Amino acid sequence: MDDPAQLSEYGKILIILLIGALLVCATIFLARLISPKKNNPIKSATYECGEDPIGSSWVQFNPRFYVIALVFLLFDVELIFIFPWATVFGQSEYIAADGRWGWFTMIEMAMFIGILILGLVFVWKKGDLEWVKPHVKVPKVPVNIPQSAYIALNNREYQVRDYIQPVEAIVESAVPQEPTTAPKMAFKPRFKKPE
């Protein structure tokens, strides 16, 4: 260092850090100073992606979401290691310096991707990538009903009625009466009215 009055490189970094901290603190103080402080119930309400929070927050959450998220993170983070490898070892200077360099990097990446594929096969075989895991259970009930009765009930074909079928057709087939009103729907949709 020729002139002791000059700042060193560390001094420049310290000044940049101090200016950055000062700007952040000034922005937070200014926002606190000029922000409106009129609180109301709408402003204090919980915001859930534009939906009104109704009901309990204790919602059952399928733990398979965590497994899928972890598998995604593992393979996503591995891509971070592949991109620098491709950019650094793909340079022609390295390959021109020694021909074995290209083969070494190729074998190295093949081993890396092979380990990833083994992990994927393990997770796949374990069944963690399947959303629905059916568990077929034959009912075991301590009653004197024979199993053949259950089999007969399950194998019988049942007629499914259309819920829009007019009530008049059903009533006329039984007993002739005066015409009735239009059929009611099987369900009534409920919508929350905007306030």
N, C-alpha and C. Protein backbone atom coordinates (compact mmCIF):
# COMPACT_ATOMS: atom_id res chain seq x y z
N MET A 1 0.85 -1.16 0.00
CA MET A 1 0.00 0.00 0.00
C MET A 1 0.90 1.23 0.00
N ASP A 2 0.78 2.02 -1.03
CA ASP A 2 1.67 3.18 -1.17
C ASP A 2 1.26 4.32 -0.26
N ASP A 3 -0.01 4.65 -0.25
CA ASP A 3 -0.49 5.81 0.51
C ASP A 3 -1.35 5.31 1.67
N PRO A 4 -0.95 5.58 2.94
CA PRO A 4 -1.74 5.09 4.06
C PRO A 4 -3.10 5.76 4.18
N ALA A 5 -3.32 6.86 3.46
CA ALA A 5 -4.61 7.54 3.53
C ALA A 5 -5.65 6.84 2.67
N GLN A 6 -5.21 6.00 1.76
CA GLN A 6 -6.13 5.28 0.89
C GLN A 6 -6.84 4.17 1.68
N LEU A 7 -8.09 3.87 1.29
CA LEU A 7 -8.82 2.76 1.90
C LEU A 7 -8.32 1.45 1.33
N SER A 8 -8.25 0.46 2.20
CA SER A 8 -7.91 -0.87 1.69
C SER A 8 -9.17 -1.48 1.07
N GLU A 9 -9.02 -2.65 0.47
CA GLU A 9 -10.16 -3.32 -0.15
C GLU A 9 -11.19 -3.71 0.91
N TYR A 10 -10.72 -4.07 2.10
CA TYR A 10 -11.65 -4.42 3.18
C TYR A 10 -12.42 -3.19 3.65
N GLY A 11 -11.78 -2.04 3.64
CA GLY A 11 -12.46 -0.80 4.01
C GLY A 11 -13.59 -0.47 3.04
N LYS A 12 -13.37 -0.74 1.76
CA LYS A 12 -14.43 -0.50 0.76
C LYS A 12 -15.62 -1.43 1.00
N ILE A 13 -15.32 -2.68 1.33
CA ILE A 13 -16.40 -3.64 1.61
C ILE A 13 -17.16 -3.21 2.86
N LEU A 14 -16.45 -2.71 3.88
CA LEU A 14 -17.10 -2.25 5.10
C LEU A 14 -18.03 -1.06 4.81
N ILE A 15 -17.59 -0.14 3.97
CA ILE A 15 -18.43 1.01 3.62
C ILE A 15 -19.68 0.56 2.87
N ILE A 16 -19.55 -0.40 1.95
CA ILE A 16 -20.71 -0.91 1.21
C ILE A 16 -21.70 -1.57 2.17
N LEU A 17 -21.20 -2.35 3.13
CA LEU A 17 -22.08 -3.00 4.10
C LEU A 17 -22.79 -1.97 4.98
N LEU A 18 -22.07 -0.94 5.42
CA LEU A 18 -22.68 0.10 6.25
C LEU A 18 -23.75 0.86 5.48
N ILE A 19 -23.49 1.20 4.24
CA ILE A 19 -24.48 1.92 3.42
C ILE A 19 -25.70 1.03 3.18
N GLY A 20 -25.49 -0.25 2.92
CA GLY A 20 -26.61 -1.18 2.72
C GLY A 20 -27.48 -1.29 3.96
N ALA A 21 -26.85 -1.44 5.13
CA ALA A 21 -27.61 -1.53 6.39
C ALA A 21 -28.35 -0.23 6.66
N LEU A 22 -27.70 0.91 6.37
CA LEU A 22 -28.35 2.20 6.59
C LEU A 22 -29.57 2.37 5.68
N LEU A 23 -29.47 1.95 4.41
CA LEU A 23 -30.60 2.05 3.50
C LEU A 23 -31.77 1.16 3.93
N VAL A 24 -31.46 -0.04 4.39
CA VAL A 24 -32.53 -0.95 4.85
C VAL A 24 -33.22 -0.35 6.07
N CYS A 25 -32.45 0.12 7.05
CA CYS A 25 -33.03 0.71 8.26
C CYS A 25 -33.84 1.96 7.93
N ALA A 26 -33.35 2.79 7.01
CA ALA A 26 -34.07 4.01 6.63
C ALA A 26 -35.39 3.66 5.94
N THR A 27 -35.40 2.63 5.10
CA THR A 27 -36.63 2.23 4.42
C THR A 27 -37.66 1.71 5.41
N ILE A 28 -37.23 0.89 6.35
CA ILE A 28 -38.16 0.36 7.36
C ILE A 28 -38.70 1.49 8.23
N PHE A 29 -37.85 2.43 8.64
CA PHE A 29 -38.29 3.55 9.47
C PHE A 29 -39.26 4.44 8.71
N LEU A 30 -38.98 4.71 7.43
CA LEU A 30 -39.85 5.55 6.62
C LEU A 30 -41.22 4.89 6.42
N ALA A 31 -41.24 3.58 6.19
CA ALA A 31 -42.51 2.87 6.02
C ALA A 31 -43.32 2.92 7.31
N ARG A 32 -42.66 2.78 8.44
CA ARG A 32 -43.35 2.84 9.73
C ARG A 32 -43.88 4.24 10.00
N LEU A 33 -43.15 5.24 9.54
CA LEU A 33 -43.51 6.64 9.79
C LEU A 33 -44.72 7.08 8.96
N ILE A 34 -44.76 6.72 7.69
CA ILE A 34 -45.82 7.26 6.82
C ILE A 34 -46.95 6.27 6.55
N SER A 35 -46.89 5.05 7.07
CA SER A 35 -47.96 4.08 6.80
C SER A 35 -49.21 4.44 7.59
N PRO A 36 -50.41 4.20 7.01
CA PRO A 36 -51.65 4.48 7.74
C PRO A 36 -51.82 3.48 8.88
N LYS A 37 -52.34 3.97 9.99
CA LYS A 37 -52.47 3.11 11.16
C LYS A 37 -53.93 2.88 11.54
N LYS A 38 -54.84 2.98 10.58
CA LYS A 38 -56.26 2.75 10.84
C LYS A 38 -56.53 1.26 10.70
N ASN A 39 -56.70 0.59 11.81
CA ASN A 39 -56.93 -0.85 11.80
C ASN A 39 -58.43 -1.12 11.71
N ASN A 40 -58.81 -2.13 10.94
CA ASN A 40 -60.21 -2.53 10.86
C ASN A 40 -60.28 -4.05 10.78
N PRO A 41 -61.47 -4.63 10.94
CA PRO A 41 -61.57 -6.10 10.94
C PRO A 41 -61.12 -6.75 9.65
N ILE A 42 -61.35 -6.08 8.52
CA ILE A 42 -60.94 -6.67 7.24
C ILE A 42 -59.42 -6.71 7.14
N LYS A 43 -58.77 -5.65 7.61
CA LYS A 43 -57.31 -5.61 7.55
C LYS A 43 -56.68 -6.60 8.53
N SER A 44 -57.36 -6.87 9.64
CA SER A 44 -56.83 -7.78 10.65
C SER A 44 -57.15 -9.24 10.36
N ALA A 45 -58.02 -9.50 9.37
CA ALA A 45 -58.42 -10.88 9.08
C ALA A 45 -57.27 -11.65 8.45
N THR A 46 -57.30 -12.96 8.61
CA THR A 46 -56.30 -13.82 8.03
C THR A 46 -56.51 -13.91 6.53
N TYR A 47 -55.44 -13.81 5.77
CA TYR A 47 -55.53 -13.87 4.31
C TYR A 47 -55.06 -15.23 3.85
N GLU A 48 -55.93 -15.97 3.17
CA GLU A 48 -55.59 -17.30 2.66
C GLU A 48 -55.87 -17.36 1.17
N CYS A 49 -55.03 -16.80 0.38
CA CYS A 49 -55.12 -16.86 -1.08
C CYS A 49 -56.47 -16.37 -1.60
N GLY A 50 -57.01 -15.34 -0.99
CA GLY A 50 -58.26 -14.79 -1.45
C GLY A 50 -59.48 -15.50 -0.94
N GLU A 51 -59.32 -16.57 -0.16
CA GLU A 51 -60.45 -17.31 0.39
C GLU A 51 -60.70 -16.87 1.82
N ASP A 52 -61.98 -16.87 2.21
CA ASP A 52 -62.29 -16.58 3.60
C ASP A 52 -61.93 -17.78 4.46
N PRO A 53 -61.15 -17.56 5.52
CA PRO A 53 -60.77 -18.69 6.38
C PRO A 53 -61.97 -19.16 7.20
N ILE A 54 -62.51 -20.30 6.85
CA ILE A 54 -63.68 -20.86 7.54
C ILE A 54 -63.28 -22.21 8.10
N GLY A 55 -63.64 -22.46 9.33
CA GLY A 55 -63.39 -23.76 9.94
C GLY A 55 -62.09 -23.78 10.70
N SER A 56 -61.75 -24.95 11.15
CA SER A 56 -60.55 -25.14 11.96
C SER A 56 -59.31 -25.20 11.08
N SER A 57 -58.20 -24.80 11.64
CA SER A 57 -56.95 -24.89 10.89
C SER A 57 -56.32 -26.28 11.01
N TRP A 58 -56.90 -27.13 11.81
CA TRP A 58 -56.38 -28.49 11.96
C TRP A 58 -56.95 -29.35 10.85
N VAL A 59 -56.30 -29.34 9.70
CA VAL A 59 -56.74 -30.09 8.54
C VAL A 59 -55.83 -31.30 8.39
N GLN A 60 -56.43 -32.44 8.11
CA GLN A 60 -55.61 -33.63 7.91
C GLN A 60 -54.87 -33.49 6.58
N PHE A 61 -53.58 -33.71 6.64
CA PHE A 61 -52.72 -33.53 5.48
C PHE A 61 -52.06 -34.85 5.16
N ASN A 62 -52.17 -35.28 3.94
CA ASN A 62 -51.62 -36.56 3.55
C ASN A 62 -50.09 -36.51 3.62
N PRO A 63 -49.46 -37.40 4.39
CA PRO A 63 -47.99 -37.35 4.52
C PRO A 63 -47.24 -37.70 3.24
N ARG A 64 -47.94 -38.24 2.23
CA ARG A 64 -47.26 -38.55 0.97
C ARG A 64 -46.82 -37.29 0.24
N PHE A 65 -47.45 -36.15 0.54
CA PHE A 65 -47.01 -34.89 -0.05
C PHE A 65 -45.57 -34.59 0.35
N TYR A 66 -45.21 -34.90 1.60
CA TYR A 66 -43.86 -34.65 2.06
C TYR A 66 -42.85 -35.52 1.31
N VAL A 67 -43.22 -36.78 1.07
CA VAL A 67 -42.31 -37.68 0.35
C VAL A 67 -42.08 -37.18 -1.07
N ILE A 68 -43.17 -36.77 -1.73
CA ILE A 68 -43.03 -36.24 -3.10
C ILE A 68 -42.18 -34.98 -3.09
N ALA A 69 -42.39 -34.11 -2.11
CA ALA A 69 -41.60 -32.87 -2.03
C ALA A 69 -40.12 -33.18 -1.80
N LEU A 70 -39.83 -34.16 -0.94
CA LEU A 70 -38.43 -34.51 -0.68
C LEU A 70 -37.77 -35.11 -1.91
N VAL A 71 -38.48 -35.97 -2.61
CA VAL A 71 -37.91 -36.57 -3.83
C VAL A 71 -37.66 -35.49 -4.87
N PHE A 72 -38.61 -34.54 -5.00
CA PHE A 72 -38.41 -33.44 -5.95
C PHE A 72 -37.19 -32.62 -5.57
N LEU A 73 -37.04 -32.30 -4.28
CA LEU A 73 -35.90 -31.50 -3.85
C LEU A 73 -34.58 -32.21 -4.11
N LEU A 74 -34.56 -33.51 -3.84
CA LEU A 74 -33.32 -34.25 -4.08
C LEU A 74 -32.89 -34.17 -5.54
N PHE A 75 -33.81 -34.44 -6.45
CA PHE A 75 -33.43 -34.46 -7.85
C PHE A 75 -33.26 -33.04 -8.41
N ASP A 76 -33.94 -32.08 -7.81
CA ASP A 76 -33.77 -30.70 -8.25
C ASP A 76 -32.41 -30.16 -7.83
N VAL A 77 -31.99 -30.48 -6.61
CA VAL A 77 -30.69 -30.01 -6.13
C VAL A 77 -29.56 -30.69 -6.90
N GLU A 78 -29.77 -31.91 -7.32
CA GLU A 78 -28.73 -32.61 -8.07
C GLU A 78 -28.47 -31.92 -9.40
N LEU A 79 -29.48 -31.28 -9.97
CA LEU A 79 -29.27 -30.54 -11.21
C LEU A 79 -28.30 -29.37 -11.01
N ILE A 80 -28.29 -28.83 -9.80
CA ILE A 80 -27.36 -27.73 -9.50
C ILE A 80 -25.92 -28.21 -9.64
N PHE A 81 -25.67 -29.48 -9.35
CA PHE A 81 -24.32 -30.02 -9.49
C PHE A 81 -23.98 -30.37 -10.94
N ILE A 82 -25.00 -30.65 -11.75
CA ILE A 82 -24.74 -31.05 -13.13
C ILE A 82 -24.40 -29.84 -14.01
N PHE A 83 -25.05 -28.70 -13.80
CA PHE A 83 -24.81 -27.53 -14.66
C PHE A 83 -23.36 -27.03 -14.58
N PRO A 84 -22.79 -26.83 -13.39
CA PRO A 84 -21.37 -26.39 -13.38
C PRO A 84 -20.44 -27.43 -14.00
N TRP A 85 -20.73 -28.69 -13.78
CA TRP A 85 -19.90 -29.75 -14.36
C TRP A 85 -19.90 -29.62 -15.88
N ALA A 86 -21.09 -29.39 -16.46
CA ALA A 86 -21.18 -29.30 -17.92
C ALA A 86 -20.47 -28.06 -18.45
N THR A 87 -20.53 -26.95 -17.72
CA THR A 87 -19.89 -25.73 -18.22
C THR A 87 -18.39 -25.74 -18.04
N VAL A 88 -17.90 -26.26 -16.92
CA VAL A 88 -16.47 -26.25 -16.66
C VAL A 88 -15.75 -27.31 -17.49
N PHE A 89 -16.26 -28.54 -17.44
CA PHE A 89 -15.55 -29.62 -18.11
C PHE A 89 -15.87 -29.71 -19.60
N GLY A 90 -16.77 -28.91 -20.07
CA GLY A 90 -17.06 -28.89 -21.51
C GLY A 90 -16.15 -27.96 -22.28
N GLN A 91 -15.21 -27.29 -21.59
CA GLN A 91 -14.31 -26.36 -22.27
C GLN A 91 -13.27 -27.13 -23.06
N SER A 92 -12.99 -26.64 -24.22
CA SER A 92 -12.07 -27.35 -25.12
C SER A 92 -10.63 -27.33 -24.63
N GLU A 93 -10.25 -26.34 -23.78
CA GLU A 93 -8.87 -26.29 -23.28
C GLU A 93 -8.52 -27.51 -22.43
N TYR A 94 -9.49 -27.92 -21.60
CA TYR A 94 -9.24 -29.09 -20.76
C TYR A 94 -9.07 -30.36 -21.59
N ILE A 95 -9.93 -30.52 -22.56
CA ILE A 95 -9.87 -31.72 -23.39
C ILE A 95 -8.62 -31.71 -24.28
N ALA A 96 -8.21 -30.53 -24.75
CA ALA A 96 -7.02 -30.42 -25.59
C ALA A 96 -5.75 -30.67 -24.78
N ALA A 97 -5.76 -30.35 -23.47
CA ALA A 97 -4.57 -30.55 -22.64
C ALA A 97 -4.26 -32.03 -22.48
N ASP A 98 -5.28 -32.82 -22.23
CA ASP A 98 -5.08 -34.26 -22.04
C ASP A 98 -6.36 -34.96 -22.48
N GLY A 99 -6.23 -35.95 -23.34
CA GLY A 99 -7.39 -36.64 -23.87
C GLY A 99 -8.14 -37.46 -22.84
N ARG A 100 -7.41 -37.88 -21.80
CA ARG A 100 -8.05 -38.69 -20.76
C ARG A 100 -8.99 -37.86 -19.88
N TRP A 101 -8.84 -36.55 -19.92
CA TRP A 101 -9.66 -35.67 -19.07
C TRP A 101 -11.16 -35.81 -19.39
N GLY A 102 -11.48 -35.91 -20.67
CA GLY A 102 -12.88 -36.06 -21.08
C GLY A 102 -13.47 -37.37 -20.61
N TRP A 103 -12.68 -38.46 -20.72
CA TRP A 103 -13.18 -39.75 -20.26
C TRP A 103 -13.36 -39.77 -18.74
N PHE A 104 -12.45 -39.14 -18.02
CA PHE A 104 -12.57 -39.08 -16.56
C PHE A 104 -13.86 -38.37 -16.14
N THR A 105 -14.13 -37.22 -16.75
CA THR A 105 -15.33 -36.48 -16.37
C THR A 105 -16.60 -37.21 -16.80
N MET A 106 -16.52 -37.93 -17.94
CA MET A 106 -17.68 -38.68 -18.40
C MET A 106 -18.01 -39.83 -17.44
N ILE A 107 -16.98 -40.54 -16.98
CA ILE A 107 -17.19 -41.65 -16.04
C ILE A 107 -17.67 -41.10 -14.70
N GLU A 108 -17.12 -39.97 -14.28
CA GLU A 108 -17.53 -39.36 -13.02
C GLU A 108 -19.02 -39.00 -13.04
N MET A 109 -19.49 -38.39 -14.11
CA MET A 109 -20.89 -38.00 -14.19
C MET A 109 -21.79 -39.21 -14.37
N ALA A 110 -21.32 -40.24 -15.07
CA ALA A 110 -22.11 -41.46 -15.21
C ALA A 110 -22.33 -42.12 -13.86
N MET A 111 -21.29 -42.12 -13.00
CA MET A 111 -21.45 -42.67 -11.65
C MET A 111 -22.43 -41.83 -10.84
N PHE A 112 -22.34 -40.52 -10.96
CA PHE A 112 -23.23 -39.62 -10.23
C PHE A 112 -24.69 -39.84 -10.63
N ILE A 113 -24.94 -39.88 -11.94
CA ILE A 113 -26.31 -40.08 -12.42
C ILE A 113 -26.77 -41.50 -12.12
N GLY A 114 -25.86 -42.48 -12.14
CA GLY A 114 -26.21 -43.85 -11.78
C GLY A 114 -26.69 -43.96 -10.34
N ILE A 115 -26.03 -43.24 -9.42
CA ILE A 115 -26.47 -43.25 -8.02
C ILE A 115 -27.85 -42.60 -7.90
N LEU A 116 -28.09 -41.54 -8.67
CA LEU A 116 -29.42 -40.91 -8.65
C LEU A 116 -30.49 -41.87 -9.18
N ILE A 117 -30.17 -42.59 -10.23
CA ILE A 117 -31.15 -43.53 -10.80
C ILE A 117 -31.42 -44.66 -9.81
N LEU A 118 -30.39 -45.13 -9.11
CA LEU A 118 -30.61 -46.15 -8.09
C LEU A 118 -31.54 -45.64 -6.99
N GLY A 119 -31.36 -44.39 -6.58
CA GLY A 119 -32.26 -43.80 -5.58
C GLY A 119 -33.69 -43.71 -6.09
N LEU A 120 -33.86 -43.33 -7.36
CA LEU A 120 -35.19 -43.24 -7.95
C LEU A 120 -35.84 -44.62 -8.02
N VAL A 121 -35.08 -45.64 -8.42
CA VAL A 121 -35.62 -46.99 -8.49
C VAL A 121 -36.02 -47.47 -7.10
N PHE A 122 -35.22 -47.17 -6.08
CA PHE A 122 -35.55 -47.55 -4.71
C PHE A 122 -36.86 -46.92 -4.26
N VAL A 123 -37.01 -45.62 -4.51
CA VAL A 123 -38.24 -44.92 -4.11
C VAL A 123 -39.43 -45.45 -4.90
N TRP A 124 -39.21 -45.77 -6.17
CA TRP A 124 -40.28 -46.29 -7.02
C TRP A 124 -40.73 -47.66 -6.54
N LYS A 125 -39.76 -48.55 -6.28
CA LYS A 125 -40.10 -49.90 -5.83
C LYS A 125 -40.76 -49.89 -4.45
N LYS A 126 -40.36 -48.94 -3.62
CA LYS A 126 -40.96 -48.83 -2.28
C LYS A 126 -42.42 -48.39 -2.37
N GLY A 127 -42.81 -47.76 -3.50
CA GLY A 127 -44.19 -47.35 -3.71
C GLY A 127 -44.49 -45.94 -3.25
N ASP A 128 -43.45 -45.14 -3.00
CA ASP A 128 -43.68 -43.79 -2.52
C ASP A 128 -44.09 -42.82 -3.61
N LEU A 129 -44.01 -43.22 -4.87
CA LEU A 129 -44.42 -42.34 -5.96
C LEU A 129 -45.86 -42.57 -6.37
N GLU A 130 -46.54 -43.54 -5.76
CA GLU A 130 -47.93 -43.81 -6.09
C GLU A 130 -48.82 -42.98 -5.17
N TRP A 131 -49.81 -42.33 -5.75
CA TRP A 131 -50.70 -41.49 -4.95
C TRP A 131 -51.70 -42.32 -4.18
N VAL A 132 -52.25 -43.33 -4.82
CA VAL A 132 -53.28 -44.12 -4.17
C VAL A 132 -52.73 -45.53 -3.98
N LYS A 133 -52.71 -45.97 -2.73
CA LYS A 133 -52.27 -47.32 -2.44
C LYS A 133 -53.49 -48.11 -1.98
N PRO A 134 -54.08 -48.92 -2.86
CA PRO A 134 -55.28 -49.65 -2.46
C PRO A 134 -54.94 -50.78 -1.50
N HIS A 135 -55.75 -50.90 -0.49
CA HIS A 135 -55.63 -52.00 0.47
C HIS A 135 -56.96 -52.76 0.45
N VAL A 136 -56.97 -53.89 -0.25
CA VAL A 136 -58.20 -54.67 -0.35
C VAL A 136 -58.30 -55.53 0.90
N LYS A 137 -59.40 -55.34 1.63
CA LYS A 137 -59.62 -56.12 2.85
C LYS A 137 -60.97 -56.80 2.76
N VAL A 138 -60.98 -58.09 2.98
CA VAL A 138 -62.23 -58.84 3.03
C VAL A 138 -62.82 -58.63 4.43
N PRO A 139 -64.09 -58.22 4.52
CA PRO A 139 -64.65 -57.95 5.84
C PRO A 139 -64.74 -59.21 6.69
N LYS A 140 -64.31 -59.09 7.90
CA LYS A 140 -64.39 -60.19 8.87
C LYS A 140 -65.33 -59.72 9.99
N VAL A 141 -66.57 -60.19 9.94
CA VAL A 141 -67.58 -59.79 10.92
C VAL A 141 -68.01 -61.02 11.70
N PRO A 142 -68.04 -60.91 13.04
CA PRO A 142 -68.42 -62.09 13.85
C PRO A 142 -69.93 -62.33 13.85
N VAL A 143 -70.50 -62.68 12.69
CA VAL A 143 -71.93 -63.00 12.59
C VAL A 143 -72.06 -64.34 11.87
N ASN A 144 -73.27 -64.87 11.90
CA ASN A 144 -73.49 -66.19 11.29
C ASN A 144 -73.97 -66.08 9.85
N ILE A 145 -73.65 -64.99 9.16
CA ILE A 145 -74.03 -64.85 7.75
C ILE A 145 -72.95 -65.52 6.91
N PRO A 146 -73.32 -66.42 6.01
CA PRO A 146 -72.30 -67.10 5.21
C PRO A 146 -71.64 -66.15 4.21
N GLN A 147 -70.42 -66.48 3.85
CA GLN A 147 -69.67 -65.65 2.90
C GLN A 147 -70.35 -65.62 1.54
N SER A 148 -71.11 -66.65 1.20
CA SER A 148 -71.79 -66.69 -0.10
C SER A 148 -72.85 -65.60 -0.21
N ALA A 149 -73.43 -65.18 0.91
CA ALA A 149 -74.40 -64.08 0.87
C ALA A 149 -73.73 -62.78 0.48
N TYR A 150 -72.53 -62.54 1.02
CA TYR A 150 -71.78 -61.34 0.64
C TYR A 150 -71.41 -61.37 -0.84
N ILE A 151 -70.99 -62.53 -1.31
CA ILE A 151 -70.60 -62.66 -2.72
C ILE A 151 -71.80 -62.43 -3.62
N ALA A 152 -72.98 -62.94 -3.23
CA ALA A 152 -74.19 -62.76 -4.04
C ALA A 152 -74.59 -61.29 -4.09
N LEU A 153 -74.48 -60.57 -2.98
CA LEU A 153 -74.80 -59.14 -2.96
C LEU A 153 -73.83 -58.34 -3.83
N ASN A 154 -72.56 -58.69 -3.77
CA ASN A 154 -71.57 -57.95 -4.55
C ASN A 154 -71.65 -58.23 -6.04
N ASN A 155 -72.11 -59.42 -6.41
CA ASN A 155 -72.15 -59.78 -7.83
C ASN A 155 -73.46 -59.38 -8.51
N ARG A 156 -74.49 -59.04 -7.75
CA ARG A 156 -75.77 -58.66 -8.34
C ARG A 156 -75.64 -57.30 -9.02
N GLU A 157 -76.34 -57.15 -10.15
CA GLU A 157 -76.35 -55.89 -10.87
C GLU A 157 -77.54 -55.07 -10.40
N TYR A 158 -77.28 -53.86 -9.99
CA TYR A 158 -78.32 -52.97 -9.49
C TYR A 158 -78.62 -51.91 -10.53
N GLN A 159 -79.91 -51.54 -10.63
CA GLN A 159 -80.32 -50.52 -11.57
C GLN A 159 -80.18 -49.16 -10.88
N VAL A 160 -79.50 -48.26 -11.55
CA VAL A 160 -79.29 -46.91 -11.01
C VAL A 160 -80.28 -45.98 -11.71
N ARG A 161 -81.11 -45.29 -10.88
CA ARG A 161 -82.09 -44.37 -11.44
C ARG A 161 -81.43 -43.03 -11.70
N ASP A 162 -81.93 -42.37 -12.74
CA ASP A 162 -81.48 -41.03 -13.04
C ASP A 162 -82.18 -40.06 -12.09
N TYR A 163 -81.44 -39.18 -11.45
CA TYR A 163 -82.05 -38.30 -10.46
C TYR A 163 -82.88 -37.20 -11.10
N ILE A 164 -82.79 -37.02 -12.42
CA ILE A 164 -83.57 -35.99 -13.10
C ILE A 164 -84.87 -36.58 -13.66
N GLN A 165 -85.05 -37.87 -13.54
CA GLN A 165 -86.24 -38.51 -14.07
C GLN A 165 -87.48 -37.84 -13.47
N PRO A 166 -88.47 -37.48 -14.29
CA PRO A 166 -89.65 -36.78 -13.75
C PRO A 166 -90.38 -37.61 -12.71
N VAL A 167 -90.86 -36.90 -11.71
CA VAL A 167 -91.60 -37.56 -10.65
C VAL A 167 -92.93 -38.08 -11.19
N GLU A 168 -93.50 -37.40 -12.20
CA GLU A 168 -94.80 -37.81 -12.75
C GLU A 168 -94.74 -39.24 -13.29
N ALA A 169 -93.64 -39.58 -13.97
CA ALA A 169 -93.53 -40.91 -14.56
C ALA A 169 -93.51 -41.98 -13.47
N ILE A 170 -92.86 -41.68 -12.37
CA ILE A 170 -92.80 -42.65 -11.27
C ILE A 170 -94.17 -42.77 -10.61
N VAL A 171 -94.83 -41.63 -10.39
CA VAL A 171 -96.12 -41.64 -9.70
C VAL A 171 -97.20 -42.25 -10.58
N GLU A 172 -97.20 -41.92 -11.89
CA GLU A 172 -98.22 -42.46 -12.79
C GLU A 172 -98.13 -43.96 -12.92
N SER A 173 -96.91 -44.48 -12.84
CA SER A 173 -96.78 -45.94 -12.95
C SER A 173 -97.36 -46.64 -11.73
N ALA A 174 -97.39 -45.98 -10.61
CA ALA A 174 -97.93 -46.59 -9.39
C ALA A 174 -99.44 -46.35 -9.30
N VAL A 175 -99.84 -45.08 -9.15
CA VAL A 175 -101.25 -44.74 -9.01
C VAL A 175 -101.51 -43.48 -9.81
N PRO A 176 -102.53 -43.45 -10.67
CA PRO A 176 -102.80 -42.24 -11.43
C PRO A 176 -103.30 -41.11 -10.51
N GLN A 177 -102.64 -39.95 -10.59
CA GLN A 177 -103.01 -38.80 -9.78
C GLN A 177 -102.95 -37.57 -10.65
N GLU A 178 -103.21 -36.42 -9.98
CA GLU A 178 -103.11 -35.16 -10.69
C GLU A 178 -101.64 -34.87 -10.99
N PRO A 179 -101.38 -34.07 -12.02
CA PRO A 179 -99.97 -33.76 -12.33
C PRO A 179 -99.29 -33.06 -11.15
N THR A 180 -98.08 -33.46 -10.90
CA THR A 180 -97.31 -32.86 -9.81
C THR A 180 -96.39 -31.78 -10.36
N THR A 181 -95.69 -31.12 -9.47
CA THR A 181 -94.76 -30.07 -9.87
C THR A 181 -93.50 -30.67 -10.46
N ALA A 182 -92.65 -29.81 -10.94
CA ALA A 182 -91.38 -30.27 -11.53
C ALA A 182 -90.54 -30.94 -10.46
N PRO A 183 -89.72 -31.90 -10.86
CA PRO A 183 -88.92 -32.61 -9.86
C PRO A 183 -87.87 -31.70 -9.23
N LYS A 184 -87.57 -32.01 -7.99
CA LYS A 184 -86.52 -31.26 -7.29
C LYS A 184 -85.19 -31.95 -7.54
N MET A 185 -84.15 -31.16 -7.54
CA MET A 185 -82.82 -31.74 -7.74
C MET A 185 -82.40 -32.47 -6.47
N ALA A 186 -81.49 -33.41 -6.63
CA ALA A 186 -81.05 -34.21 -5.48
C ALA A 186 -80.18 -33.42 -4.54
N PHE A 187 -79.59 -32.33 -5.00
CA PHE A 187 -78.76 -31.50 -4.14
C PHE A 187 -79.04 -30.04 -4.44
N LYS A 188 -78.74 -29.19 -3.49
CA LYS A 188 -78.93 -27.76 -3.68
C LYS A 188 -77.58 -27.09 -3.50
N PRO A 189 -77.04 -26.49 -4.57
CA PRO A 189 -75.73 -25.86 -4.43
C PRO A 189 -75.84 -24.61 -3.56
N ARG A 190 -74.84 -24.41 -2.73
CA ARG A 190 -74.81 -23.24 -1.87
C ARG A 190 -73.58 -22.42 -2.21
N PHE A 191 -73.82 -21.17 -2.45
CA PHE A 191 -72.72 -20.25 -2.77
C PHE A 191 -72.72 -19.15 -1.74
N LYS A 192 -71.55 -18.73 -1.38
CA LYS A 192 -71.43 -17.64 -0.43
C LYS A 192 -71.64 -16.33 -1.18
N LYS A 193 -72.54 -15.51 -0.68
CA LYS A 193 -72.83 -14.26 -1.34
C LYS A 193 -71.74 -13.25 -1.03
N PRO A 194 -71.30 -12.51 -2.03
CA PRO A 194 -70.28 -11.48 -1.74
C PRO A 194 -70.88 -10.36 -0.91
N GLU A 195 -70.07 -9.85 -0.02
CA GLU A 195 -70.53 -8.77 0.87
C GLU A 195 -70.34 -7.42 0.26
